[in-house]
Amino acid sequence: MARSIEVSAKTIDAAIEKGLLDLGLEREEVTVEVIDNPKSGFFGIGAVPAKILMTVLADEAEPEVKKEAPAKKAEKKPEKKIEKKEEKKAEKKEIRGVASSDAEEFLSKVISFICEDARVEKRESEDGSVTYEIVGERLGGLIGRRGETLDALQHLVNLAVNRRGEEKSRIMLDAENYRAKRSESLEKFAQRAAASVLKYKRNKALEPMNAYERHIVHVALQDMENISTSSVGNEPNRRVIINYTGPDARPPRRRY
């Protein structure tokens, strides 16, 4: 069956962003069904989060195994199914190994032209995701303004390793612990912006951000009373809107 997950967040957009990040997929690779629309409640009491069902389009449905009356045939089929599963696991492991090798080789060649003394260190997480840490001195040029160069390089690496095969690998790049520092900075920025929205009771549009950074903002503000978040616009100019939902909230405006 197609892989599906249920995701809850303060807004539908936030739930979609969260689901895409959890799956490591793009918006066009999934379908979204709204299970519950969010409700702000009265003074925060009785608030209901948005809930969606996200289904992966790329997954193929498994063929149904018909049950047969004879006991002997029923006993043989599970063995074949186990063998196929083991073969599929081995094939996926081999593909991931090739992708990992390709990524490291490609990345090492690219950064050698930018930073002669830089090197690449591989880091694997429990969830199977892979991060390559670029280690060296004076990596500011490789990171770029607000991580733009690092994000572009990460995109190129993913294109390079996923150019063949159906099994996609999601690879993250980091340098000088930039991702963690940027995440902390965005959380503080989002809190300050939300405080301004509460003070003046007016919605606020933030600067354009990529999907990963928008997700950080949504999560940082999802539990704040009288505040909701949504995303508007198209890439690369898609941005987060911080909405005031408390007393005397103005009707939402569609122009930002």
C-alpha atoms as a PDB file:
ATOM      1  CA  MET A   1       0.000   0.000   0.000  1.00  0.00           C
ATOM      2  CA  ALA A   2       1.058   3.600  -0.523  1.00  0.00           C
ATOM      3  CA  ARG A   3       2.936   5.072   2.428  1.00  0.00           C
ATOM      4  CA  SER A   4       0.885   7.608   4.413  1.00  0.00           C
ATOM      5  CA  ILE A   5       1.423   9.599   7.592  1.00  0.00           C
ATOM      6  CA  GLU A   6      -0.863  11.732   9.735  1.00  0.00           C
ATOM      7  CA  VAL A   7       0.587  15.101  10.717  1.00  0.00           C
ATOM      8  CA  SER A   8      -0.772  17.659  13.192  1.00  0.00           C
ATOM      9  CA  ALA A   9       0.272  21.290  13.571  1.00  0.00           C
ATOM     10  CA  LYS A  10      -1.265  24.663  14.395  1.00  0.00           C
ATOM     11  CA  THR A  11      -2.045  25.411  10.727  1.00  0.00           C
ATOM     12  CA  ILE A  12      -2.500  23.327   7.580  1.00  0.00           C
ATOM     13  CA  ASP A  13       0.579  24.897   5.950  1.00  0.00           C
ATOM     14  CA  ALA A  14       2.651  24.121   9.033  1.00  0.00           C
ATOM     15  CA  ALA A  15       1.450  20.509   8.977  1.00  0.00           C
ATOM     16  CA  ILE A  16       2.379  20.203   5.288  1.00  0.00           C
ATOM     17  CA  GLU A  17       5.847  21.671   5.906  1.00  0.00           C
ATOM     18  CA  LYS A  18       6.352  19.292   8.841  1.00  0.00           C
ATOM     19  CA  GLY A  19       5.221  16.262   6.869  1.00  0.00           C
ATOM     20  CA  LEU A  20       7.462  17.071   3.888  1.00  0.00           C
ATOM     21  CA  LEU A  21      10.450  17.503   6.191  1.00  0.00           C
ATOM     22  CA  ASP A  22       9.734  14.219   7.994  1.00  0.00           C
ATOM     23  CA  LEU A  23       9.441  12.341   4.682  1.00  0.00           C
ATOM     24  CA  GLY A  24      12.312  14.187   3.017  1.00  0.00           C
ATOM     25  CA  LEU A  25      10.154  14.847  -0.065  1.00  0.00           C
ATOM     26  CA  GLU A  26       8.961  17.781  -2.181  1.00  0.00           C
ATOM     27  CA  ARG A  27       5.346  19.010  -2.351  1.00  0.00           C
ATOM     28  CA  GLU A  28       4.697  17.517  -5.801  1.00  0.00           C
ATOM     29  CA  GLU A  29       5.682  14.042  -4.566  1.00  0.00           C
ATOM     30  CA  VAL A  30       2.770  13.732  -2.125  1.00  0.00           C
ATOM     31  CA  THR A  31      -0.983  14.206  -1.901  1.00  0.00           C
ATOM     32  CA  VAL A  32      -2.545  15.969   1.069  1.00  0.00           C
ATOM     33  CA  GLU A  33      -5.973  15.299   2.547  1.00  0.00           C
ATOM     34  CA  VAL A  34      -7.243  17.626   5.277  1.00  0.00           C
ATOM     35  CA  ILE A  35      -8.683  15.577   8.150  1.00  0.00           C
ATOM     36  CA  ASP A  36      -9.328  18.425  10.603  1.00  0.00           C
ATOM     37  CA  ASN A  37      -9.244  22.168  10.008  1.00  0.00           C
ATOM     38  CA  PRO A  38      -7.592  24.204  12.783  1.00  0.00           C
ATOM     39  CA  LYS A  39      -9.715  26.077  15.313  1.00  0.00           C
ATOM     40  CA  SER A  40      -8.293  28.890  17.411  1.00  0.00           C
ATOM     41  CA  GLY A  41     -10.811  28.504  20.239  1.00  0.00           C
ATOM     42  CA  PHE A  42     -11.795  31.246  22.623  1.00  0.00           C
ATOM     43  CA  PHE A  43      -8.776  32.932  24.259  1.00  0.00           C
ATOM     44  CA  GLY A  44      -6.792  29.823  23.381  1.00  0.00           C
ATOM     45  CA  ILE A  45      -9.274  27.497  25.147  1.00  0.00           C
ATOM     46  CA  GLY A  46     -10.606  24.645  23.062  1.00  0.00           C
ATOM     47  CA  ALA A  47      -8.114  25.226  20.265  1.00  0.00           C
ATOM     48  CA  VAL A  48      -7.909  22.354  17.748  1.00  0.00           C
ATOM     49  CA  PRO A  49      -4.778  21.799  15.639  1.00  0.00           C
ATOM     50  CA  ALA A  50      -4.899  21.101  11.933  1.00  0.00           C
ATOM     51  CA  LYS A  51      -4.578  17.445  10.984  1.00  0.00           C
ATOM     52  CA  ILE A  52      -3.708  16.136   7.517  1.00  0.00           C
ATOM     53  CA  LEU A  53      -3.119  12.779   5.855  1.00  0.00           C
ATOM     54  CA  MET A  54      -0.019  12.902   3.624  1.00  0.00           C
ATOM     55  CA  THR A  55       0.387  10.087   1.060  1.00  0.00           C
ATOM     56  CA  VAL A  56       3.544   9.454  -0.966  1.00  0.00           C
ATOM     57  CA  LEU A  57       2.828   9.304  -4.702  1.00  0.00           C
ATOM     58  CA  ALA A  58       6.102   7.563  -5.626  1.00  0.00           C
ATOM     59  CA  ASP A  59       5.426   4.483  -3.521  1.00  0.00           C
ATOM     60  CA  GLU A  60       4.135   1.499  -5.432  1.00  0.00           C
ATOM     61  CA  ALA A  61       1.339  -0.606  -4.059  1.00  0.00           C
ATOM     62  CA  GLU A  62       2.386  -4.114  -3.045  1.00  0.00           C
ATOM     63  CA  PRO A  63       0.675  -6.899  -5.020  1.00  0.00           C
ATOM     64  CA  GLU A  64      -1.996  -8.778  -3.150  1.00  0.00           C
ATOM     65  CA  VAL A  65      -1.130 -12.360  -2.219  1.00  0.00           C
ATOM     66  CA  LYS A  66      -4.089 -14.619  -2.934  1.00  0.00           C
ATOM     67  CA  LYS A  67      -4.732 -17.316  -0.379  1.00  0.00           C
ATOM     68  CA  GLU A  68      -4.922 -20.806  -1.771  1.00  0.00           C
ATOM     69  CA  ALA A  69      -6.748 -23.725  -0.228  1.00  0.00           C
ATOM     70  CA  PRO A  70      -3.950 -26.348  -0.268  1.00  0.00           C
ATOM     71  CA  ALA A  71      -1.785 -26.127   2.842  1.00  0.00           C
ATOM     72  CA  LYS A  72       1.437 -26.911   0.952  1.00  0.00           C
ATOM     73  CA  LYS A  73       1.098 -23.932  -1.402  1.00  0.00           C
ATOM     74  CA  ALA A  74       0.272 -21.613   1.498  1.00  0.00           C
ATOM     75  CA  GLU A  75       3.474 -22.679   3.243  1.00  0.00           C
ATOM     76  CA  LYS A  76       5.696 -22.047   0.225  1.00  0.00           C
ATOM     77  CA  LYS A  77       4.495 -18.523  -0.541  1.00  0.00           C
ATOM     78  CA  PRO A  78       5.759 -16.834   2.652  1.00  0.00           C
ATOM     79  CA  GLU A  79       9.236 -18.212   1.916  1.00  0.00           C
ATOM     80  CA  LYS A  80       9.243 -16.622  -1.529  1.00  0.00           C
ATOM     81  CA  LYS A  81       7.923 -13.383  -0.114  1.00  0.00           C
ATOM     82  CA  ILE A  82      10.670 -13.328   2.528  1.00  0.00           C
ATOM     83  CA  GLU A  83      13.297 -13.977  -0.130  1.00  0.00           C
ATOM     84  CA  LYS A  84      11.964 -11.103  -2.249  1.00  0.00           C
ATOM     85  CA  LYS A  85      11.959  -8.768   0.756  1.00  0.00           C
ATOM     86  CA  GLU A  86      15.539  -9.719   1.591  1.00  0.00           C
ATOM     87  CA  GLU A  87      16.588  -9.161  -2.028  1.00  0.00           C
ATOM     88  CA  LYS A  88      14.856  -5.781  -2.037  1.00  0.00           C
ATOM     89  CA  LYS A  89      16.561  -4.774   1.234  1.00  0.00           C
ATOM     90  CA  ALA A  90      19.946  -5.822  -0.134  1.00  0.00           C
ATOM     91  CA  GLU A  91      19.303  -3.871  -3.341  1.00  0.00           C
ATOM     92  CA  LYS A  92      18.306  -0.736  -1.402  1.00  0.00           C
ATOM     93  CA  LYS A  93      21.389  -1.066   0.813  1.00  0.00           C
ATOM     94  CA  GLU A  94      23.594  -1.359  -2.269  1.00  0.00           C
ATOM     95  CA  ILE A  95      21.974   1.708  -3.857  1.00  0.00           C
ATOM     96  CA  ARG A  96      22.433   3.730  -0.662  1.00  0.00           C
ATOM     97  CA  GLY A  97      26.066   2.631  -0.515  1.00  0.00           C
ATOM     98  CA  VAL A  98      26.667   3.739  -4.094  1.00  0.00           C
ATOM     99  CA  ALA A  99      24.860   7.032  -3.448  1.00  0.00           C
ATOM    100  CA  SER A 100      26.947   7.649  -0.347  1.00  0.00           C
ATOM    101  CA  SER A 101      30.170   6.940  -2.218  1.00  0.00           C
ATOM    102  CA  ASP A 102      29.089   9.158  -5.119  1.00  0.00           C
ATOM    103  CA  ALA A 103      28.163  11.991  -2.758  1.00  0.00           C
ATOM    104  CA  GLU A 104      31.485  11.948  -0.935  1.00  0.00           C
ATOM    105  CA  GLU A 105      33.479  11.776  -4.167  1.00  0.00           C
ATOM    106  CA  PHE A 106      31.461  14.532  -5.854  1.00  0.00           C
ATOM    107  CA  LEU A 107      31.558  16.786  -2.789  1.00  0.00           C
ATOM    108  CA  SER A 108      35.297  16.320  -2.260  1.00  0.00           C
ATOM    109  CA  LYS A 109      36.021  17.332  -5.853  1.00  0.00           C
ATOM    110  CA  VAL A 110      33.817  20.423  -5.685  1.00  0.00           C
ATOM    111  CA  ILE A 111      35.131  21.807  -2.393  1.00  0.00           C
ATOM    112  CA  SER A 112      38.736  21.179  -3.468  1.00  0.00           C
ATOM    113  CA  PHE A 113      38.267  24.011  -5.983  1.00  0.00           C
ATOM    114  CA  ILE A 114      36.812  26.331  -3.312  1.00  0.00           C
ATOM    115  CA  CYS A 115      38.828  25.523  -0.172  1.00  0.00           C
ATOM    116  CA  GLU A 116      42.096  23.676  -0.650  1.00  0.00           C
ATOM    117  CA  ASP A 117      42.445  22.598   3.004  1.00  0.00           C
ATOM    118  CA  ALA A 118      38.822  21.571   3.553  1.00  0.00           C
ATOM    119  CA  ARG A 119      37.806  17.937   4.035  1.00  0.00           C
ATOM    120  CA  VAL A 120      34.535  16.025   4.288  1.00  0.00           C
ATOM    121  CA  GLU A 121      33.368  14.003   7.302  1.00  0.00           C
ATOM    122  CA  LYS A 122      30.347  11.708   7.088  1.00  0.00           C
ATOM    123  CA  ARG A 123      27.770  11.586   9.889  1.00  0.00           C
ATOM    124  CA  GLU A 124      24.851   9.111   9.964  1.00  0.00           C
ATOM    125  CA  SER A 125      21.745   9.544  12.129  1.00  0.00           C
ATOM    126  CA  GLU A 126      19.571   6.852  13.698  1.00  0.00           C
ATOM    127  CA  ASP A 127      16.775   7.605  11.210  1.00  0.00           C
ATOM    128  CA  GLY A 128      19.100   6.731   8.302  1.00  0.00           C
ATOM    129  CA  SER A 129      19.710  10.292   7.126  1.00  0.00           C
ATOM    130  CA  VAL A 130      23.258  11.272   6.153  1.00  0.00           C
ATOM    131  CA  THR A 131      24.989  14.581   6.849  1.00  0.00           C
ATOM    132  CA  TYR A 132      28.352  15.556   5.402  1.00  0.00           C
ATOM    133  CA  GLU A 133      30.254  18.018   7.573  1.00  0.00           C
ATOM    134  CA  ILE A 134      32.744  20.202   5.690  1.00  0.00           C
ATOM    135  CA  VAL A 135      35.686  20.807   7.993  1.00  0.00           C
ATOM    136  CA  GLY A 136      38.371  23.420   7.447  1.00  0.00           C
ATOM    137  CA  GLU A 137      39.308  27.046   7.939  1.00  0.00           C
ATOM    138  CA  ARG A 138      37.699  30.162   6.467  1.00  0.00           C
ATOM    139  CA  LEU A 139      34.593  28.442   5.129  1.00  0.00           C
ATOM    140  CA  GLY A 140      32.517  31.628   5.015  1.00  0.00           C
ATOM    141  CA  GLY A 141      32.661  31.779   1.231  1.00  0.00           C
ATOM    142  CA  LEU A 142      31.447  28.208   0.970  1.00  0.00           C
ATOM    143  CA  ILE A 143      28.525  28.863   3.343  1.00  0.00           C
ATOM    144  CA  GLY A 144      27.495  32.119   1.640  1.00  0.00           C
ATOM    145  CA  ARG A 145      24.973  34.746   2.677  1.00  0.00           C
ATOM    146  CA  ARG A 146      22.401  33.096   4.954  1.00  0.00           C
ATOM    147  CA  GLY A 147      23.679  29.707   3.800  1.00  0.00           C
ATOM    148  CA  GLU A 148      22.724  30.249   0.143  1.00  0.00           C
ATOM    149  CA  THR A 149      25.957  28.767  -1.247  1.00  0.00           C
ATOM    150  CA  LEU A 150      25.796  25.791   1.128  1.00  0.00           C
ATOM    151  CA  ASP A 151      22.149  25.165   0.177  1.00  0.00           C
ATOM    152  CA  ALA A 152      22.991  25.348  -3.541  1.00  0.00           C
ATOM    153  CA  LEU A 153      25.874  22.897  -3.094  1.00  0.00           C
ATOM    154  CA  GLN A 154      23.592  20.568  -1.119  1.00  0.00           C
ATOM    155  CA  HIS A 155      21.069  20.672  -3.967  1.00  0.00           C
ATOM    156  CA  LEU A 156      23.787  19.799  -6.514  1.00  0.00           C
ATOM    157  CA  VAL A 157      25.020  16.861  -4.420  1.00  0.00           C
ATOM    158  CA  ASN A 158      21.489  15.444  -4.144  1.00  0.00           C
ATOM    159  CA  LEU A 159      21.003  15.794  -7.906  1.00  0.00           C
ATOM    160  CA  ALA A 160      24.313  14.068  -8.559  1.00  0.00           C
ATOM    161  CA  VAL A 161      23.657  11.040  -6.338  1.00  0.00           C
ATOM    162  CA  ASN A 162      19.990  10.617  -7.309  1.00  0.00           C
ATOM    163  CA  ARG A 163      20.470  10.842 -11.054  1.00  0.00           C
ATOM    164  CA  ARG A 164      20.088   7.078 -11.373  1.00  0.00           C
ATOM    165  CA  GLY A 165      17.972   4.507  -9.598  1.00  0.00           C
ATOM    166  CA  GLU A 166      14.505   4.706  -8.065  1.00  0.00           C
ATOM    167  CA  GLU A 167      15.660   4.738  -4.443  1.00  0.00           C
ATOM    168  CA  LYS A 168      16.273   8.373  -3.511  1.00  0.00           C
ATOM    169  CA  SER A 169      18.806   9.431  -0.890  1.00  0.00           C
ATOM    170  CA  ARG A 170      18.430  12.627   1.139  1.00  0.00           C
ATOM    171  CA  ILE A 171      21.811  14.183   1.892  1.00  0.00           C
ATOM    172  CA  MET A 172      22.421  17.194   4.134  1.00  0.00           C
ATOM    173  CA  LEU A 173      25.513  19.412   4.117  1.00  0.00           C
ATOM    174  CA  ASP A 174      26.845  21.436   7.021  1.00  0.00           C
ATOM    175  CA  ALA A 175      29.916  23.580   7.682  1.00  0.00           C
ATOM    176  CA  GLU A 176      31.168  25.132  10.920  1.00  0.00           C
ATOM    177  CA  ASN A 177      27.947  23.933  12.609  1.00  0.00           C
ATOM    178  CA  TYR A 178      26.068  26.485  10.496  1.00  0.00           C
ATOM    179  CA  ARG A 179      22.742  24.586  10.481  1.00  0.00           C
ATOM    180  CA  ALA A 180      22.427  24.533  14.285  1.00  0.00           C
ATOM    181  CA  LYS A 181      23.465  28.198  14.574  1.00  0.00           C
ATOM    182  CA  ARG A 182      21.006  29.240  11.856  1.00  0.00           C
ATOM    183  CA  SER A 183      18.210  27.256  13.515  1.00  0.00           C
ATOM    184  CA  GLU A 184      18.805  28.971  16.865  1.00  0.00           C
ATOM    185  CA  SER A 185      18.975  32.376  15.183  1.00  0.00           C
ATOM    186  CA  LEU A 186      15.711  31.780  13.294  1.00  0.00           C
ATOM    187  CA  GLU A 187      13.897  30.674  16.449  1.00  0.00           C
ATOM    188  CA  LYS A 188      14.892  33.874  18.272  1.00  0.00           C
ATOM    189  CA  PHE A 189      13.993  35.980  15.234  1.00  0.00           C
ATOM    190  CA  ALA A 190      10.577  34.303  14.987  1.00  0.00           C
ATOM    191  CA  GLN A 191       9.889  34.912  18.690  1.00  0.00           C
ATOM    192  CA  ARG A 192      10.733  38.621  18.335  1.00  0.00           C
ATOM    193  CA  ALA A 193       8.565  38.958  15.229  1.00  0.00           C
ATOM    194  CA  ALA A 194       5.649  37.202  16.964  1.00  0.00           C
ATOM    195  CA  ALA A 195       5.992  39.511  19.966  1.00  0.00           C
ATOM    196  CA  SER A 196       5.654  42.473  17.581  1.00  0.00           C
ATOM    197  CA  VAL A 197       2.538  40.898  16.026  1.00  0.00           C
ATOM    198  CA  LEU A 198       0.960  40.477  19.479  1.00  0.00           C
ATOM    199  CA  LYS A 199       1.820  44.039  20.472  1.00  0.00           C
ATOM    200  CA  TYR A 200       0.379  45.736  17.375  1.00  0.00           C
ATOM    201  CA  LYS A 201      -2.235  43.057  16.533  1.00  0.00           C
ATOM    202  CA  ARG A 202      -1.144  43.088  12.905  1.00  0.00           C
ATOM    203  CA  ASN A 203       0.045  40.218  10.744  1.00  0.00           C
ATOM    204  CA  LYS A 204       3.689  40.212   9.673  1.00  0.00           C
ATOM    205  CA  ALA A 205       5.355  38.772   6.552  1.00  0.00           C
ATOM    206  CA  LEU A 206       8.888  37.459   7.043  1.00  0.00           C
ATOM    207  CA  GLU A 207      11.699  37.381   4.514  1.00  0.00           C
ATOM    208  CA  PRO A 208      11.685  34.574   1.881  1.00  0.00           C
ATOM    209  CA  MET A 209      13.049  31.293   3.246  1.00  0.00           C
ATOM    210  CA  ASN A 210      13.585  27.764   2.006  1.00  0.00           C
ATOM    211  CA  ALA A 211      11.371  24.877   3.193  1.00  0.00           C
ATOM    212  CA  TYR A 212      13.742  23.838   5.983  1.00  0.00           C
ATOM    213  CA  GLU A 213      13.904  27.344   7.480  1.00  0.00           C
ATOM    214  CA  ARG A 214      10.145  27.883   7.149  1.00  0.00           C
ATOM    215  CA  HIS A 215       9.620  24.666   9.088  1.00  0.00           C
ATOM    216  CA  ILE A 216      11.834  25.974  11.915  1.00  0.00           C
ATOM    217  CA  VAL A 217       9.685  29.122  12.175  1.00  0.00           C
ATOM    218  CA  HIS A 218       6.401  27.164  12.109  1.00  0.00           C
ATOM    219  CA  VAL A 219       7.592  24.851  14.893  1.00  0.00           C
ATOM    220  CA  ALA A 220       8.996  27.727  16.984  1.00  0.00           C
ATOM    221  CA  LEU A 221       5.608  29.498  17.031  1.00  0.00           C
ATOM    222  CA  GLN A 222       3.146  26.592  16.906  1.00  0.00           C
ATOM    223  CA  ASP A 223       2.328  26.733  20.633  1.00  0.00           C
ATOM    224  CA  MET A 224       2.211  30.521  21.024  1.00  0.00           C
ATOM    225  CA  GLU A 225      -1.191  31.795  22.121  1.00  0.00           C
ATOM    226  CA  ASN A 226      -3.090  34.081  19.706  1.00  0.00           C
ATOM    227  CA  ILE A 227      -0.528  33.362  16.969  1.00  0.00           C
ATOM    228  CA  SER A 228      -0.724  31.176  13.877  1.00  0.00           C
ATOM    229  CA  THR A 229       1.598  30.824  10.902  1.00  0.00           C
ATOM    230  CA  SER A 230       1.140  30.114   7.217  1.00  0.00           C
ATOM    231  CA  SER A 231       3.281  30.106   4.074  1.00  0.00           C
ATOM    232  CA  VAL A 232       2.527  32.051   0.893  1.00  0.00           C
ATOM    233  CA  GLY A 233       4.186  32.605  -2.463  1.00  0.00           C
ATOM    234  CA  ASN A 234       6.220  30.433  -4.804  1.00  0.00           C
ATOM    235  CA  GLU A 235       9.823  29.262  -4.536  1.00  0.00           C
ATOM    236  CA  PRO A 236      12.308  30.850  -4.186  1.00  0.00           C
ATOM    237  CA  ASN A 237      10.203  33.721  -2.782  1.00  0.00           C
ATOM    238  CA  ARG A 238       7.941  31.658  -0.538  1.00  0.00           C
ATOM    239  CA  ARG A 239       7.714  33.183   2.948  1.00  0.00           C
ATOM    240  CA  VAL A 240       6.089  32.708   6.357  1.00  0.00           C
ATOM    241  CA  ILE A 241       3.226  34.930   7.511  1.00  0.00           C
ATOM    242  CA  ILE A 242       2.767  35.359  11.273  1.00  0.00           C
ATOM    243  CA  ASN A 243      -0.948  35.879  11.894  1.00  0.00           C
ATOM    244  CA  TYR A 244      -2.608  37.490  14.912  1.00  0.00           C
ATOM    245  CA  THR A 245      -5.614  35.350  15.947  1.00  0.00           C
ATOM    246  CA  GLY A 246      -6.515  36.946  19.296  1.00  0.00           C
ATOM    247  CA  PRO A 247      -9.321  39.364  20.192  1.00  0.00           C
ATOM    248  CA  ASP A 248      -9.967  42.121  17.626  1.00  0.00           C
ATOM    249  CA  ALA A 249      -8.067  40.151  14.968  1.00  0.00           C
ATOM    250  CA  ARG A 250      -8.505  41.696  11.536  1.00  0.00           C
ATOM    251  CA  PRO A 251      -9.785  39.582   8.611  1.00  0.00           C
ATOM    252  CA  PRO A 252      -6.810  38.013   6.756  1.00  0.00           C
ATOM    253  CA  ARG A 253      -5.462  39.896   3.757  1.00  0.00           C
ATOM    254  CA  ARG A 254      -4.273  37.973   0.733  1.00  0.00           C
ATOM    255  CA  ARG A 255      -1.725  40.558  -0.481  1.00  0.00           C
ATOM    256  CA  TYR A 256       1.770  40.598   1.012  1.00  0.00           C
END
